[in-house]
């Protein structure tokens, strides 16, 4: 790719591996029915959008799960364990590729996230890599629940572009969700859909970015 000076990375299934099927199974085990419409990669119950935008608290999210499951005795730990079950970890080579990219480009993280997952990830990074956050890999890292905005809405992209005076013609956005890439493309960004068959270091190398 030519003329790229800035790269915006998604987190889940771009840098950090997640497994939606594990969470679906865990939620079913809590008593939630119609799991494909309740929680899936392509769409989900409104509580997830609300949680990712910081519009509801962790306590309110957990209570919503109890109500939907019709299981008022579920503990916070029961719910957090089910919700966090989709979090797998960072595949080998991804952090190293991010540091190489940071040396060559202005790099940013733009993640749809929520308080429960964010806290788990911070603890994981400290435990497994002895780092305090993802901040070392980027000029800035952005999380939807701390911004009150989420992908694929235009405002979250427009905020990052304006905040850092990024030229869309010089900016690449990498994500695993077509609906997020659609908005980015409409705004003029270069985009790449990272497929399950690809790795982040592999794409960066084969595309000539690294």
C-alpha atoms as a PDB file:
ATOM      1  CA  UNK A   1       0.000   0.000   0.000  1.00  0.00           C
ATOM      2  CA  UNK A   2       1.319   3.395  -1.001  1.00  0.00           C
ATOM      3  CA  UNK A   3       1.106   6.753   0.790  1.00  0.00           C
ATOM      4  CA  UNK A   4      -0.077   5.232   4.095  1.00  0.00           C
ATOM      5  CA  UNK A   5       1.197   7.267   7.035  1.00  0.00           C
ATOM      6  CA  UNK A   6      -1.358   6.328   9.704  1.00  0.00           C
ATOM      7  CA  UNK A   7      -2.861   2.984  10.761  1.00  0.00           C
ATOM      8  CA  UNK A   8      -5.909   2.574  12.995  1.00  0.00           C
ATOM      9  CA  UNK A   9      -6.246  -0.933  14.425  1.00  0.00           C
ATOM     10  CA  UNK A  10      -9.291  -2.693  15.811  1.00  0.00           C
ATOM     11  CA  UNK A  11      -8.560  -4.926  18.814  1.00  0.00           C
ATOM     12  CA  UNK A  12     -10.778  -8.030  18.865  1.00  0.00           C
ATOM     13  CA  UNK A  13      -9.716 -10.608  16.256  1.00  0.00           C
ATOM     14  CA  UNK A  14      -7.157  -8.209  14.851  1.00  0.00           C
ATOM     15  CA  UNK A  15      -4.706  -7.950  17.763  1.00  0.00           C
ATOM     16  CA  UNK A  16      -6.430  -9.967  20.468  1.00  0.00           C
ATOM     17  CA  UNK A  17      -8.155 -13.273  19.697  1.00  0.00           C
ATOM     18  CA  UNK A  18     -11.791 -13.622  20.742  1.00  0.00           C
ATOM     19  CA  UNK A  19     -14.261 -16.485  20.282  1.00  0.00           C
ATOM     20  CA  UNK A  20     -17.935 -15.523  20.072  1.00  0.00           C
ATOM     21  CA  UNK A  21     -19.007 -19.177  20.165  1.00  0.00           C
ATOM     22  CA  UNK A  22     -17.550 -19.605  23.638  1.00  0.00           C
ATOM     23  CA  UNK A  23     -19.605 -16.697  24.947  1.00  0.00           C
ATOM     24  CA  UNK A  24     -22.741 -17.988  23.225  1.00  0.00           C
ATOM     25  CA  UNK A  25     -22.319 -21.354  24.931  1.00  0.00           C
ATOM     26  CA  UNK A  26     -21.628 -19.723  28.275  1.00  0.00           C
ATOM     27  CA  UNK A  27     -24.708 -17.497  28.020  1.00  0.00           C
ATOM     28  CA  UNK A  28     -26.861 -20.482  27.065  1.00  0.00           C
ATOM     29  CA  UNK A  29     -25.581 -22.234  30.173  1.00  0.00           C
ATOM     30  CA  UNK A  30     -26.851 -19.275  32.215  1.00  0.00           C
ATOM     31  CA  UNK A  31     -30.320 -19.896  30.798  1.00  0.00           C
ATOM     32  CA  UNK A  32     -30.466 -17.386  27.927  1.00  0.00           C
ATOM     33  CA  UNK A  33     -32.480 -18.537  24.907  1.00  0.00           C
ATOM     34  CA  UNK A  34     -32.366 -17.539  21.205  1.00  0.00           C
ATOM     35  CA  UNK A  35     -28.640 -17.017  21.518  1.00  0.00           C
ATOM     36  CA  UNK A  36     -28.068 -16.203  17.830  1.00  0.00           C
ATOM     37  CA  UNK A  37     -30.193 -13.081  18.124  1.00  0.00           C
ATOM     38  CA  UNK A  38     -29.102 -12.317  21.697  1.00  0.00           C
ATOM     39  CA  UNK A  39     -25.349 -12.275  21.046  1.00  0.00           C
ATOM     40  CA  UNK A  40     -23.478 -12.816  17.782  1.00  0.00           C
ATOM     41  CA  UNK A  41     -20.732 -11.171  15.755  1.00  0.00           C
ATOM     42  CA  UNK A  42     -23.208  -9.775  13.231  1.00  0.00           C
ATOM     43  CA  UNK A  43     -25.746  -8.444  15.738  1.00  0.00           C
ATOM     44  CA  UNK A  44     -26.880  -8.591  19.340  1.00  0.00           C
ATOM     45  CA  UNK A  45     -29.236  -7.403  22.072  1.00  0.00           C
ATOM     46  CA  UNK A  46     -29.255  -3.605  22.698  1.00  0.00           C
ATOM     47  CA  UNK A  47     -27.671  -4.034  26.151  1.00  0.00           C
ATOM     48  CA  UNK A  48     -24.344  -4.808  24.500  1.00  0.00           C
ATOM     49  CA  UNK A  49     -24.336  -1.552  22.525  1.00  0.00           C
ATOM     50  CA  UNK A  50     -25.337   0.338  25.660  1.00  0.00           C
ATOM     51  CA  UNK A  51     -22.553  -1.298  27.661  1.00  0.00           C
ATOM     52  CA  UNK A  52     -19.961  -0.634  24.939  1.00  0.00           C
ATOM     53  CA  UNK A  53     -20.930   3.047  24.940  1.00  0.00           C
ATOM     54  CA  UNK A  54     -20.701   3.335  28.713  1.00  0.00           C
ATOM     55  CA  UNK A  55     -24.425   4.131  28.845  1.00  0.00           C
ATOM     56  CA  UNK A  56     -25.019   1.443  31.468  1.00  0.00           C
ATOM     57  CA  UNK A  57     -22.743   0.369  34.309  1.00  0.00           C
ATOM     58  CA  UNK A  58     -21.312  -3.092  34.899  1.00  0.00           C
ATOM     59  CA  UNK A  59     -23.894  -3.576  37.648  1.00  0.00           C
ATOM     60  CA  UNK A  60     -26.728  -2.625  35.280  1.00  0.00           C
ATOM     61  CA  UNK A  61     -25.342  -4.958  32.594  1.00  0.00           C
ATOM     62  CA  UNK A  62     -25.223  -7.848  35.055  1.00  0.00           C
ATOM     63  CA  UNK A  63     -28.775  -7.159  36.216  1.00  0.00           C
ATOM     64  CA  UNK A  64     -29.958  -7.124  32.600  1.00  0.00           C
ATOM     65  CA  UNK A  65     -28.387 -10.558  32.092  1.00  0.00           C
ATOM     66  CA  UNK A  66     -30.209 -11.851  35.199  1.00  0.00           C
ATOM     67  CA  UNK A  67     -33.496 -10.443  33.918  1.00  0.00           C
ATOM     68  CA  UNK A  68     -33.092 -11.842  30.395  1.00  0.00           C
ATOM     69  CA  UNK A  69     -32.021 -15.247  31.714  1.00  0.00           C
ATOM     70  CA  UNK A  70     -34.888 -15.123  34.246  1.00  0.00           C
ATOM     71  CA  UNK A  71     -32.330 -16.291  36.786  1.00  0.00           C
ATOM     72  CA  UNK A  72     -32.128 -13.721  39.630  1.00  0.00           C
ATOM     73  CA  UNK A  73     -29.716 -15.829  41.677  1.00  0.00           C
ATOM     74  CA  UNK A  74     -26.869 -15.512  39.161  1.00  0.00           C
ATOM     75  CA  UNK A  75     -23.847 -14.003  40.887  1.00  0.00           C
ATOM     76  CA  UNK A  76     -21.612 -11.269  39.502  1.00  0.00           C
ATOM     77  CA  UNK A  77     -18.893 -13.904  39.131  1.00  0.00           C
ATOM     78  CA  UNK A  78     -21.230 -16.219  37.171  1.00  0.00           C
ATOM     79  CA  UNK A  79     -22.004 -13.439  34.716  1.00  0.00           C
ATOM     80  CA  UNK A  80     -18.463 -12.058  34.428  1.00  0.00           C
ATOM     81  CA  UNK A  81     -17.065 -15.549  33.832  1.00  0.00           C
ATOM     82  CA  UNK A  82     -19.575 -16.169  31.036  1.00  0.00           C
ATOM     83  CA  UNK A  83     -19.006 -12.738  29.477  1.00  0.00           C
ATOM     84  CA  UNK A  84     -15.216 -12.996  29.673  1.00  0.00           C
ATOM     85  CA  UNK A  85     -15.172 -16.504  28.232  1.00  0.00           C
ATOM     86  CA  UNK A  86     -14.816 -15.096  24.720  1.00  0.00           C
ATOM     87  CA  UNK A  87     -11.464 -13.483  25.597  1.00  0.00           C
ATOM     88  CA  UNK A  88      -8.602 -15.724  24.467  1.00  0.00           C
ATOM     89  CA  UNK A  89      -5.417 -13.642  24.230  1.00  0.00           C
ATOM     90  CA  UNK A  90      -2.794 -12.062  21.989  1.00  0.00           C
ATOM     91  CA  UNK A  91      -1.315 -14.472  19.407  1.00  0.00           C
ATOM     92  CA  UNK A  92       2.486 -14.689  19.160  1.00  0.00           C
ATOM     93  CA  UNK A  93       4.036 -11.963  17.037  1.00  0.00           C
ATOM     94  CA  UNK A  94       1.214  -9.430  17.239  1.00  0.00           C
ATOM     95  CA  UNK A  95       2.789  -7.158  19.838  1.00  0.00           C
ATOM     96  CA  UNK A  96       6.107  -7.238  18.014  1.00  0.00           C
ATOM     97  CA  UNK A  97       4.373  -6.297  14.749  1.00  0.00           C
ATOM     98  CA  UNK A  98       2.632  -3.375  16.470  1.00  0.00           C
ATOM     99  CA  UNK A  99       5.928  -2.017  17.772  1.00  0.00           C
ATOM    100  CA  UNK A 100       7.441  -2.242  14.284  1.00  0.00           C
ATOM    101  CA  UNK A 101       4.405  -0.472  12.838  1.00  0.00           C
ATOM    102  CA  UNK A 102       4.674   2.258  15.490  1.00  0.00           C
ATOM    103  CA  UNK A 103       8.258   2.934  14.407  1.00  0.00           C
ATOM    104  CA  UNK A 104       7.119   3.519  10.824  1.00  0.00           C
ATOM    105  CA  UNK A 105       3.597   4.991  11.097  1.00  0.00           C
ATOM    106  CA  UNK A 106       1.357   6.955  13.408  1.00  0.00           C
ATOM    107  CA  UNK A 107      -0.667   4.133  14.969  1.00  0.00           C
ATOM    108  CA  UNK A 108      -3.907   4.113  16.938  1.00  0.00           C
ATOM    109  CA  UNK A 109      -6.217   1.593  18.565  1.00  0.00           C
ATOM    110  CA  UNK A 110      -9.991   1.957  18.140  1.00  0.00           C
ATOM    111  CA  UNK A 111     -11.884  -0.719  20.041  1.00  0.00           C
ATOM    112  CA  UNK A 112     -15.506  -1.369  20.897  1.00  0.00           C
ATOM    113  CA  UNK A 113     -15.040  -2.378  24.512  1.00  0.00           C
ATOM    114  CA  UNK A 114     -16.736  -2.404  27.900  1.00  0.00           C
ATOM    115  CA  UNK A 115     -15.698  -2.094  31.514  1.00  0.00           C
ATOM    116  CA  UNK A 116     -15.714  -5.817  32.351  1.00  0.00           C
ATOM    117  CA  UNK A 117     -13.673  -6.856  29.307  1.00  0.00           C
ATOM    118  CA  UNK A 118     -11.345  -3.870  29.628  1.00  0.00           C
ATOM    119  CA  UNK A 119     -10.494  -4.731  33.234  1.00  0.00           C
ATOM    120  CA  UNK A 120      -9.874  -8.369  32.303  1.00  0.00           C
ATOM    121  CA  UNK A 121      -7.587  -7.350  29.423  1.00  0.00           C
ATOM    122  CA  UNK A 122      -5.576  -4.928  31.578  1.00  0.00           C
ATOM    123  CA  UNK A 123      -5.010  -7.694  34.147  1.00  0.00           C
ATOM    124  CA  UNK A 124      -4.089 -10.139  31.351  1.00  0.00           C
ATOM    125  CA  UNK A 125      -1.529  -7.746  29.821  1.00  0.00           C
ATOM    126  CA  UNK A 126       0.082  -7.234  33.209  1.00  0.00           C
ATOM    127  CA  UNK A 127       0.121 -10.948  34.021  1.00  0.00           C
ATOM    128  CA  UNK A 128       1.297 -12.265  30.652  1.00  0.00           C
ATOM    129  CA  UNK A 129       3.448  -9.417  29.295  1.00  0.00           C
ATOM    130  CA  UNK A 130       4.245  -7.258  32.336  1.00  0.00           C
ATOM    131  CA  UNK A 131       2.802  -4.148  30.676  1.00  0.00           C
ATOM    132  CA  UNK A 132       0.226  -1.834  32.196  1.00  0.00           C
ATOM    133  CA  UNK A 133      -1.892  -1.223  29.103  1.00  0.00           C
ATOM    134  CA  UNK A 134      -1.976  -1.231  25.313  1.00  0.00           C
ATOM    135  CA  UNK A 135      -0.732   2.344  25.354  1.00  0.00           C
ATOM    136  CA  UNK A 136       2.881   1.375  24.651  1.00  0.00           C
ATOM    137  CA  UNK A 137       1.918   0.126  21.194  1.00  0.00           C
ATOM    138  CA  UNK A 138       0.131   3.251  19.913  1.00  0.00           C
ATOM    139  CA  UNK A 139       0.200   7.013  19.788  1.00  0.00           C
ATOM    140  CA  UNK A 140      -3.206   6.749  21.440  1.00  0.00           C
ATOM    141  CA  UNK A 141      -5.597   3.927  22.290  1.00  0.00           C
ATOM    142  CA  UNK A 142      -9.350   4.537  22.238  1.00  0.00           C
ATOM    143  CA  UNK A 143     -12.103   2.445  23.836  1.00  0.00           C
ATOM    144  CA  UNK A 144     -15.774   2.961  23.086  1.00  0.00           C
ATOM    145  CA  UNK A 145     -17.023   2.702  26.667  1.00  0.00           C
ATOM    146  CA  UNK A 146     -14.694   5.528  27.724  1.00  0.00           C
ATOM    147  CA  UNK A 147     -15.711   7.702  24.759  1.00  0.00           C
ATOM    148  CA  UNK A 148     -19.495   7.315  24.788  1.00  0.00           C
ATOM    149  CA  UNK A 149     -19.314   6.314  21.115  1.00  0.00           C
ATOM    150  CA  UNK A 150     -18.943   3.035  19.271  1.00  0.00           C
ATOM    151  CA  UNK A 151     -18.259   1.635  15.830  1.00  0.00           C
ATOM    152  CA  UNK A 152     -19.786   1.549  13.246  1.00  0.00           C
ATOM    153  CA  UNK A 153     -21.172   5.023  14.001  1.00  0.00           C
ATOM    154  CA  UNK A 154     -19.472   7.852  12.150  1.00  0.00           C
ATOM    155  CA  UNK A 155     -18.845  10.021  15.195  1.00  0.00           C
ATOM    156  CA  UNK A 156     -16.191   7.761  16.714  1.00  0.00           C
ATOM    157  CA  UNK A 157     -14.177   7.730  13.486  1.00  0.00           C
ATOM    158  CA  UNK A 158     -14.606  11.461  12.991  1.00  0.00           C
ATOM    159  CA  UNK A 159     -13.412  12.115  16.542  1.00  0.00           C
ATOM    160  CA  UNK A 160     -10.134  10.214  16.065  1.00  0.00           C
ATOM    161  CA  UNK A 161      -9.504  11.746  12.645  1.00  0.00           C
ATOM    162  CA  UNK A 162     -10.094  15.279  13.918  1.00  0.00           C
ATOM    163  CA  UNK A 163      -8.273  14.793  17.226  1.00  0.00           C
ATOM    164  CA  UNK A 164      -5.070  13.811  15.425  1.00  0.00           C
ATOM    165  CA  UNK A 165      -5.533  15.773  12.183  1.00  0.00           C
ATOM    166  CA  UNK A 166      -5.366  12.581  10.130  1.00  0.00           C
ATOM    167  CA  UNK A 167      -5.735  12.727   6.353  1.00  0.00           C
ATOM    168  CA  UNK A 168      -8.118   9.928   5.340  1.00  0.00           C
ATOM    169  CA  UNK A 169      -6.154   9.438   2.114  1.00  0.00           C
ATOM    170  CA  UNK A 170      -3.102   8.541   4.203  1.00  0.00           C
ATOM    171  CA  UNK A 171      -4.921   6.447   6.812  1.00  0.00           C
ATOM    172  CA  UNK A 172      -5.590   2.690   6.874  1.00  0.00           C
ATOM    173  CA  UNK A 173      -8.207   1.122   9.128  1.00  0.00           C
ATOM    174  CA  UNK A 174      -7.929  -2.613   9.913  1.00  0.00           C
ATOM    175  CA  UNK A 175     -10.940  -4.412  11.411  1.00  0.00           C
ATOM    176  CA  UNK A 176     -12.622  -7.820  11.332  1.00  0.00           C
ATOM    177  CA  UNK A 177     -16.183  -6.461  11.046  1.00  0.00           C
ATOM    178  CA  UNK A 178     -17.509  -5.501   7.590  1.00  0.00           C
ATOM    179  CA  UNK A 179     -20.046  -3.075   9.072  1.00  0.00           C
ATOM    180  CA  UNK A 180     -17.236  -1.092  10.714  1.00  0.00           C
ATOM    181  CA  UNK A 181     -15.208  -1.019   7.517  1.00  0.00           C
ATOM    182  CA  UNK A 182     -18.231   0.217   5.569  1.00  0.00           C
ATOM    183  CA  UNK A 183     -18.414   3.400   7.648  1.00  0.00           C
ATOM    184  CA  UNK A 184     -14.661   3.915   7.477  1.00  0.00           C
ATOM    185  CA  UNK A 185     -14.738   3.524   3.707  1.00  0.00           C
ATOM    186  CA  UNK A 186     -17.592   6.017   3.390  1.00  0.00           C
ATOM    187  CA  UNK A 187     -15.433   8.513   5.264  1.00  0.00           C
ATOM    188  CA  UNK A 188     -12.630   7.973   2.763  1.00  0.00           C
ATOM    189  CA  UNK A 189     -10.256   5.796   4.763  1.00  0.00           C
ATOM    190  CA  UNK A 190      -8.357   2.909   3.244  1.00  0.00           C
ATOM    191  CA  UNK A 191      -9.654  -0.305   4.802  1.00  0.00           C
ATOM    192  CA  UNK A 192      -8.705  -3.929   5.207  1.00  0.00           C
ATOM    193  CA  UNK A 193     -10.930  -6.745   6.459  1.00  0.00           C
ATOM    194  CA  UNK A 194      -8.691  -9.078   8.448  1.00  0.00           C
ATOM    195  CA  UNK A 195     -10.017 -12.560   7.755  1.00  0.00           C
ATOM    196  CA  UNK A 196      -9.806 -15.526  10.153  1.00  0.00           C
ATOM    197  CA  UNK A 197      -7.307 -17.099   7.739  1.00  0.00           C
ATOM    198  CA  UNK A 198      -4.957 -14.113   8.099  1.00  0.00           C
ATOM    199  CA  UNK A 199      -2.621 -12.989  10.856  1.00  0.00           C
ATOM    200  CA  UNK A 200      -1.873  -9.374  11.590  1.00  0.00           C
ATOM    201  CA  UNK A 201       1.916  -9.749  11.095  1.00  0.00           C
ATOM    202  CA  UNK A 202       1.269 -11.694   7.886  1.00  0.00           C
ATOM    203  CA  UNK A 203      -0.975  -9.023   6.427  1.00  0.00           C
ATOM    204  CA  UNK A 204       1.377  -6.182   7.353  1.00  0.00           C
ATOM    205  CA  UNK A 205       4.243  -8.005   5.666  1.00  0.00           C
ATOM    206  CA  UNK A 206       2.480  -9.218   2.511  1.00  0.00           C
ATOM    207  CA  UNK A 207       0.896  -5.807   1.957  1.00  0.00           C
ATOM    208  CA  UNK A 208       4.326  -4.198   2.067  1.00  0.00           C
ATOM    209  CA  UNK A 209       3.484  -2.104   5.128  1.00  0.00           C
ATOM    210  CA  UNK A 210       6.317  -3.663   7.121  1.00  0.00           C
END
